[in-house]
Amino acid sequence: MINKISNRLKEIKPSGIRKFFDLVQAKKDVISLGVGEPDFTTPWGIIESAFYNMGKGKTHYTSNNGLLELRLEIKNYLKKYNLDYDEDEIIVTVGGSEGIDLALRGLINPGDEIIVPEPIYVPYKPLSMLNEAKAVTIDTSKTNFRLTAKSLEEKITSKTKALILCYPNNPTGIILDKEEVEEIAKVIKKHKIWVISDEIYSELNYGKEHFSIASIEGMKDYVIYLNGFSKAFAMTGWRIGFLAAKKELINELIKIHQYAIMCAPVMSQYGAIEALKNSFPEVEKMKNSYDRRRRLMLNGFREIGLDVIEPEGALYIFPSLEKLGIKGEEFAIRLLEEKGVAVVPGTAFGEGFEYNIRCCYATDIEDIKEAIKRIKEFVDEL
């Protein structure tokens, strides 16, 4: 019967990140720089709020859009980035990942093209393909991993439906300047295409402010804004995020959400309310810790002799191995086997990045020191 499954599904490759995650699980005493999630436990106030509300019997369905109280808190939070969305222009989603799928399913017709600047977070290309769209990639390696208005303009055709914009970027940590975003917005308006703006790392920036494309005058008509609680609030397992867009589009997207999901988990929604109300001091502490570890890993890699563009946000460093003459896939497998350190090959984030690896610095600082020591030993032995 397996030959009767969807042809589209057969064409999709498993996640390159999860492939190495599974390899790590089979080994002992491995230092993992692979899976991209905070190493902090969710702040206690968030956990306590979820417990309290469950204890009060709040364990039932919410409205499809999510709890009104949470959507009002999200509305208020978005003002920080000069974004003006009403509570009925917000859908609370099952993590940012559901928001990605929801946006793509809501926009794509078979044969449409989705522009995907690479390297980028893993699901965008597979989800575009599952919705019968063609993923048109832009290689940003020649522009220091920064999408430019010029490179975007060159890829737009009559079939282009949307651009994926993922900054602060996973896996590079790059943040676009305000001026760069404004130039991209001009191209979007000129060609009247959508932008799916994934801003899940907006709170994790190190000395450089995040600027949202949705804040530019007139861009609300073109933007589906995605964000969530997993990264900033260390809530990866809670699976809670949100999507914001103009009400006319929300009225259509909610149909997909209500049939596929019904609503996000209510206990996670109560935790998210507490996160937005009272947990930003904890976010700042975690961010400062990530920044120390970011600088430690960055300096360590540079001392080893790896080419690295400094990450300005998120949780990752994306060094190049080209000078060493070894590709990321071989490097990652051998480093795991010979030194017990797990990293992710760059090809997980785009086909043109065979000489890169992604390393996550959201791990114990002593583990980072030991990992750098082992990587240096490995490089010296090449």
Foldseek 3Di string as FASTA:
>chain_A
DVVPDDPLVVPDDPFLLVVLVVVLVVDPPFLEQGDAFFPDDFDPLLVVLLVVCVVVVPFDFDFQQADLLLLVLVQVVCVVQQAHFDSLQKRKFQALVVVLLLVLLLFDDAAAEEEEEPLADQPNQSSNSVSNYHYHYDDCVVVVSDDALVSVLVPDDPRYAEYEAEPVGPPALDADDPVRLVSNVVSCVVNVHAYEYECQFQLQFAPDHHHDSNNDPPCLQRYWYWYFCCHLRVPVVQRIIMIGGDNVSSVRSSVVSCVPPVGRGNSSSSSSSCCSPPPVVVSVVSSVVLVVLLVVLVVLCVVLPWDWDRRGGRFKTKTFQVVLVDWQVVLQVCCCVPPSYHWGGSVSRPPVRRRIIMGGSSDDSVSSVSSSVSSSVVSVVD
